[in-house]
């Protein structure tokens, strides 16, 4: 069990508009170490489009420096950049990020959800985060299928804990009988494809039978949006359902 401490941050709710800039510290119960988790998020309805972006990153702290409890000091460590570049210096690492690309410009009634995003954490990153909080993991022998599965499911749970620390409850399937269930209100994927769940699962070494097909369908959906064959400015995808605005 880890200990979570929320450092000063901001969450603003205004009907369908949400903005957040949170830093949360997860202390390890097994060693004098912790992980700082940072989540910057904005979803805002504008007259002709929807502004949406987020970046979720973390920093493993094995030796706490002086002033490590200062949220303002932590904020200075982050890059002044777009979603992809916020967690790229001073030991910070990106878990995932996403946004709607508005570089095409906005024209009356022709705005499209051009989604960009990526899960960037590696398998090594998932192991490092888990071991920081819960101690060393012993990887089972290659022929121990049940042990390997339990090991990988533990990594998924570790990633879900990082998300939960900043208020994101994302159920990530580990078997074909389970289903990915998106968080309520917080949008991590701008279209119907649940690529965040699939990317985290992949980083933890799990592949489901449906993953390849869903990845192809997601790529096709993004291509259709870019060509103007998808949703228009009256609707967008949230939590796997079409939301009219």
Protein backbone atom coordinates (compact mmCIF):
# COMPACT_ATOMS: atom_id res chain seq x y z
CA UNK A 1 0.00 0.00 0.00
CA UNK A 2 1.43 3.37 -0.98
CA UNK A 3 0.83 6.73 0.67
CA UNK A 4 -0.56 9.52 -1.51
CA UNK A 5 -0.02 13.21 -0.77
CA UNK A 6 -1.62 15.83 -3.01
CA UNK A 7 0.52 18.92 -3.43
CA UNK A 8 -1.14 22.27 -4.15
CA UNK A 9 -2.73 22.24 -7.61
CA UNK A 10 -5.77 23.36 -9.52
CA UNK A 11 -8.97 21.69 -10.69
CA UNK A 12 -11.64 23.86 -12.28
CA UNK A 13 -15.06 22.57 -13.32
CA UNK A 14 -17.43 24.65 -15.42
CA UNK A 15 -20.20 22.42 -16.74
CA UNK A 16 -18.56 20.55 -19.62
CA UNK A 17 -15.29 22.50 -19.33
CA UNK A 18 -12.54 21.03 -17.14
CA UNK A 19 -9.04 22.29 -16.41
CA UNK A 20 -6.55 20.60 -14.10
CA UNK A 21 -2.90 21.04 -13.18
CA UNK A 22 -2.12 18.56 -10.40
CA UNK A 23 1.00 17.24 -8.74
CA UNK A 24 0.60 14.21 -6.49
CA UNK A 25 3.27 12.42 -4.49
CA UNK A 26 3.15 8.65 -3.97
CA UNK A 27 5.36 7.49 -1.11
CA UNK A 28 6.71 3.96 -1.04
CA UNK A 29 5.86 1.96 2.10
CA UNK A 30 8.91 -0.26 1.50
CA UNK A 31 11.73 2.27 1.09
CA UNK A 32 12.47 6.02 1.52
CA UNK A 33 11.47 6.79 -2.07
CA UNK A 34 8.51 8.32 -3.84
CA UNK A 35 7.05 9.11 -7.25
CA UNK A 36 5.77 12.55 -8.22
CA UNK A 37 2.90 12.36 -10.72
CA UNK A 38 1.90 15.43 -12.72
CA UNK A 39 -1.27 15.81 -14.79
CA UNK A 40 -2.05 18.85 -16.92
CA UNK A 41 -5.42 18.80 -18.63
CA UNK A 42 -7.80 21.09 -20.48
CA UNK A 43 -11.08 20.46 -22.22
CA UNK A 44 -12.92 23.57 -23.26
CA UNK A 45 -15.79 24.29 -25.61
CA UNK A 46 -15.18 27.22 -27.91
CA UNK A 47 -17.54 28.80 -30.41
CA UNK A 48 -16.48 26.66 -33.37
CA UNK A 49 -14.46 23.81 -31.90
CA UNK A 50 -13.33 21.98 -28.78
CA UNK A 51 -9.93 22.60 -27.23
CA UNK A 52 -8.58 19.43 -25.64
CA UNK A 53 -5.13 18.46 -24.49
CA UNK A 54 -3.40 16.70 -21.64
CA UNK A 55 -0.05 15.38 -20.54
CA UNK A 56 0.55 12.84 -17.77
CA UNK A 57 4.09 12.40 -16.48
CA UNK A 58 5.99 11.10 -13.50
CA UNK A 59 9.36 11.39 -11.79
CA UNK A 60 10.91 8.68 -9.64
CA UNK A 61 12.73 10.18 -6.68
CA UNK A 62 15.10 7.75 -4.98
CA UNK A 63 17.00 10.42 -3.01
CA UNK A 64 14.88 13.39 -1.96
CA UNK A 65 16.69 16.70 -2.56
CA UNK A 66 16.20 19.77 -0.30
CA UNK A 67 12.93 21.56 -1.01
CA UNK A 68 11.46 18.50 -2.67
CA UNK A 69 8.10 19.18 -1.07
CA UNK A 70 7.58 22.47 -2.88
CA UNK A 71 4.99 22.35 -5.65
CA UNK A 72 6.41 25.57 -7.12
CA UNK A 73 9.88 24.00 -7.31
CA UNK A 74 8.45 20.97 -9.06
CA UNK A 75 6.57 23.17 -11.51
CA UNK A 76 9.84 24.86 -12.49
CA UNK A 77 11.26 21.46 -13.45
CA UNK A 78 8.62 20.99 -16.14
CA UNK A 79 9.23 22.16 -19.69
CA UNK A 80 7.20 25.06 -21.06
CA UNK A 81 5.99 23.09 -24.03
CA UNK A 82 3.04 21.39 -25.65
CA UNK A 83 1.54 18.14 -24.33
CA UNK A 84 4.25 15.97 -25.83
CA UNK A 85 7.16 17.93 -24.38
CA UNK A 86 6.13 18.89 -20.83
CA UNK A 87 7.73 15.89 -19.10
CA UNK A 88 11.02 15.69 -20.98
CA UNK A 89 13.66 17.13 -18.65
CA UNK A 90 14.98 17.07 -15.07
CA UNK A 91 14.22 13.39 -14.64
CA UNK A 92 10.57 13.62 -15.65
CA UNK A 93 9.16 10.96 -17.96
CA UNK A 94 5.98 10.95 -20.02
CA UNK A 95 3.38 8.26 -19.42
CA UNK A 96 0.92 9.45 -22.07
CA UNK A 97 -0.35 12.58 -23.80
CA UNK A 98 -3.00 13.64 -26.28
CA UNK A 99 -4.58 16.63 -28.00
CA UNK A 100 -6.67 17.82 -30.92
CA UNK A 101 -4.43 19.24 -33.62
CA UNK A 102 -5.80 22.64 -34.67
CA UNK A 103 -3.02 23.43 -37.13
CA UNK A 104 -5.52 22.96 -39.96
CA UNK A 105 -7.37 26.05 -38.76
CA UNK A 106 -11.02 26.43 -37.86
CA UNK A 107 -13.68 27.12 -40.46
CA UNK A 108 -17.37 27.52 -39.78
CA UNK A 109 -19.08 24.11 -39.48
CA UNK A 110 -16.00 22.27 -40.76
CA UNK A 111 -13.96 21.64 -37.61
CA UNK A 112 -12.76 18.05 -37.25
CA UNK A 113 -11.36 16.04 -34.34
CA UNK A 114 -7.78 15.58 -35.54
CA UNK A 115 -6.51 13.50 -32.64
CA UNK A 116 -2.84 13.05 -31.82
CA UNK A 117 -1.44 11.20 -28.83
CA UNK A 118 0.80 8.44 -27.60
CA UNK A 119 1.57 6.18 -24.64
CA UNK A 120 5.31 6.68 -24.18
CA UNK A 121 6.13 4.63 -21.10
CA UNK A 122 8.27 1.55 -21.76
CA UNK A 123 8.23 -1.85 -20.07
CA UNK A 124 11.32 -0.80 -18.12
CA UNK A 125 9.44 2.29 -17.00
CA UNK A 126 6.51 0.23 -15.72
CA UNK A 127 8.88 -2.03 -13.77
CA UNK A 128 10.83 0.92 -12.31
CA UNK A 129 7.62 2.60 -11.14
CA UNK A 130 6.24 -0.58 -9.58
CA UNK A 131 9.48 -1.45 -7.81
CA UNK A 132 9.83 2.10 -6.45
CA UNK A 133 6.50 1.76 -4.69
CA UNK A 134 6.34 -1.93 -3.81
CA UNK A 135 9.88 -3.30 -3.81
CA UNK A 136 11.80 -5.56 -6.16
CA UNK A 137 9.88 -7.82 -8.52
CA UNK A 138 11.03 -11.32 -9.36
CA UNK A 139 10.32 -12.16 -12.98
CA UNK A 140 9.02 -15.73 -13.25
CA UNK A 141 10.64 -18.33 -15.47
CA UNK A 142 9.70 -18.15 -19.15
CA UNK A 143 7.81 -21.46 -18.93
CA UNK A 144 5.71 -20.30 -15.96
CA UNK A 145 2.75 -18.91 -17.90
CA UNK A 146 0.61 -18.23 -14.84
CA UNK A 147 3.48 -16.52 -13.05
CA UNK A 148 4.30 -14.38 -16.09
CA UNK A 149 0.66 -13.32 -16.40
CA UNK A 150 0.45 -12.38 -12.70
CA UNK A 151 3.70 -10.42 -13.06
CA UNK A 152 2.35 -8.45 -16.02
CA UNK A 153 -1.03 -7.84 -14.39
CA UNK A 154 0.84 -6.37 -11.42
CA UNK A 155 2.56 -3.93 -13.78
CA UNK A 156 -0.83 -2.87 -15.17
CA UNK A 157 -2.08 -2.29 -11.63
CA UNK A 158 0.98 -0.16 -10.96
CA UNK A 159 0.19 2.01 -13.98
CA UNK A 160 -3.45 2.29 -12.92
CA UNK A 161 -2.23 3.53 -9.54
CA UNK A 162 -0.30 6.36 -11.19
CA UNK A 163 -3.46 7.35 -13.07
CA UNK A 164 -5.63 7.03 -9.97
CA UNK A 165 -3.28 9.28 -8.00
CA UNK A 166 -4.37 12.24 -10.16
CA UNK A 167 -8.04 11.24 -10.21
CA UNK A 168 -8.17 9.03 -13.31
CA UNK A 169 -9.97 5.71 -12.91
CA UNK A 170 -9.26 3.66 -16.05
CA UNK A 171 -10.06 -0.05 -15.97
CA UNK A 172 -7.53 -1.76 -18.24
CA UNK A 173 -8.27 -5.28 -19.42
CA UNK A 174 -5.64 -7.96 -18.96
CA UNK A 175 -7.57 -10.86 -20.54
CA UNK A 176 -9.87 -11.17 -23.55
CA UNK A 177 -12.83 -11.67 -21.19
CA UNK A 178 -12.26 -8.27 -19.59
CA UNK A 179 -13.10 -4.89 -21.08
CA UNK A 180 -11.37 -1.53 -21.01
CA UNK A 181 -13.51 1.03 -19.19
CA UNK A 182 -12.69 4.68 -19.64
CA UNK A 183 -12.69 7.25 -16.82
CA UNK A 184 -15.72 9.40 -16.22
CA UNK A 185 -15.49 13.07 -17.29
CA UNK A 186 -11.73 13.04 -17.97
CA UNK A 187 -11.05 12.40 -21.67
CA UNK A 188 -7.77 10.62 -22.44
CA UNK A 189 -8.69 9.62 -26.00
CA UNK A 190 -10.26 12.11 -28.37
CA UNK A 191 -12.03 9.52 -30.54
CA UNK A 192 -13.53 6.07 -29.94
CA UNK A 193 -10.25 4.10 -30.04
CA UNK A 194 -9.06 3.17 -26.52
CA UNK A 195 -5.39 3.47 -27.40
CA UNK A 196 -4.30 4.53 -23.90
CA UNK A 197 -5.49 1.26 -22.38
CA UNK A 198 -3.94 -0.70 -25.24
CA UNK A 199 -0.65 1.19 -24.99
CA UNK A 200 -0.33 0.68 -21.24
CA UNK A 201 -1.20 -2.98 -21.64
CA UNK A 202 1.46 -3.34 -24.32
CA UNK A 203 4.09 -1.58 -22.20
CA UNK A 204 3.35 -4.11 -19.46
CA UNK A 205 3.90 -7.00 -21.90
CA UNK A 206 0.26 -7.98 -22.48
CA UNK A 207 -1.39 -8.41 -25.88
CA UNK A 208 -5.05 -9.28 -26.34
CA UNK A 209 -6.49 -10.93 -29.43
CA UNK A 210 -8.58 -7.85 -30.20
CA UNK A 211 -5.76 -5.32 -29.85
CA UNK A 212 -4.46 -5.53 -33.41
CA UNK A 213 -7.91 -5.14 -34.96
CA UNK A 214 -8.82 -2.25 -32.66
CA UNK A 215 -5.54 -0.54 -33.54
CA UNK A 216 -6.38 -0.85 -37.26
CA UNK A 217 -9.88 0.51 -36.67
CA UNK A 218 -8.45 3.41 -34.67
CA UNK A 219 -6.01 4.29 -37.45
CA UNK A 220 -8.85 4.23 -39.96
CA UNK A 221 -10.98 6.47 -37.76
CA UNK A 222 -8.19 9.04 -37.47
CA UNK A 223 -7.66 8.93 -41.23
CA UNK A 224 -11.37 9.54 -41.83
CA UNK A 225 -11.31 12.49 -39.46
CA UNK A 226 -8.34 14.00 -41.28
CA UNK A 227 -10.20 13.63 -44.58
CA UNK A 228 -13.34 15.21 -43.16
CA UNK A 229 -15.48 12.06 -43.19
CA UNK A 230 -15.92 11.76 -39.43
CA UNK A 231 -17.64 13.84 -36.75
CA UNK A 232 -18.23 17.52 -37.41
CA UNK A 233 -18.18 20.39 -34.96
CA UNK A 234 -21.54 19.37 -33.46
CA UNK A 235 -20.25 16.21 -31.83
CA UNK A 236 -17.17 14.55 -30.50
CA UNK A 237 -16.22 11.35 -28.75
CA UNK A 238 -16.06 11.08 -24.98
CA UNK A 239 -15.81 7.83 -23.06
CA UNK A 240 -16.56 5.82 -26.17
CA UNK A 241 -19.90 7.55 -26.79
CA UNK A 242 -20.82 10.36 -29.14
CA UNK A 243 -21.52 13.53 -27.20
CA UNK A 244 -23.46 16.34 -28.87
CA UNK A 245 -22.49 19.86 -27.94
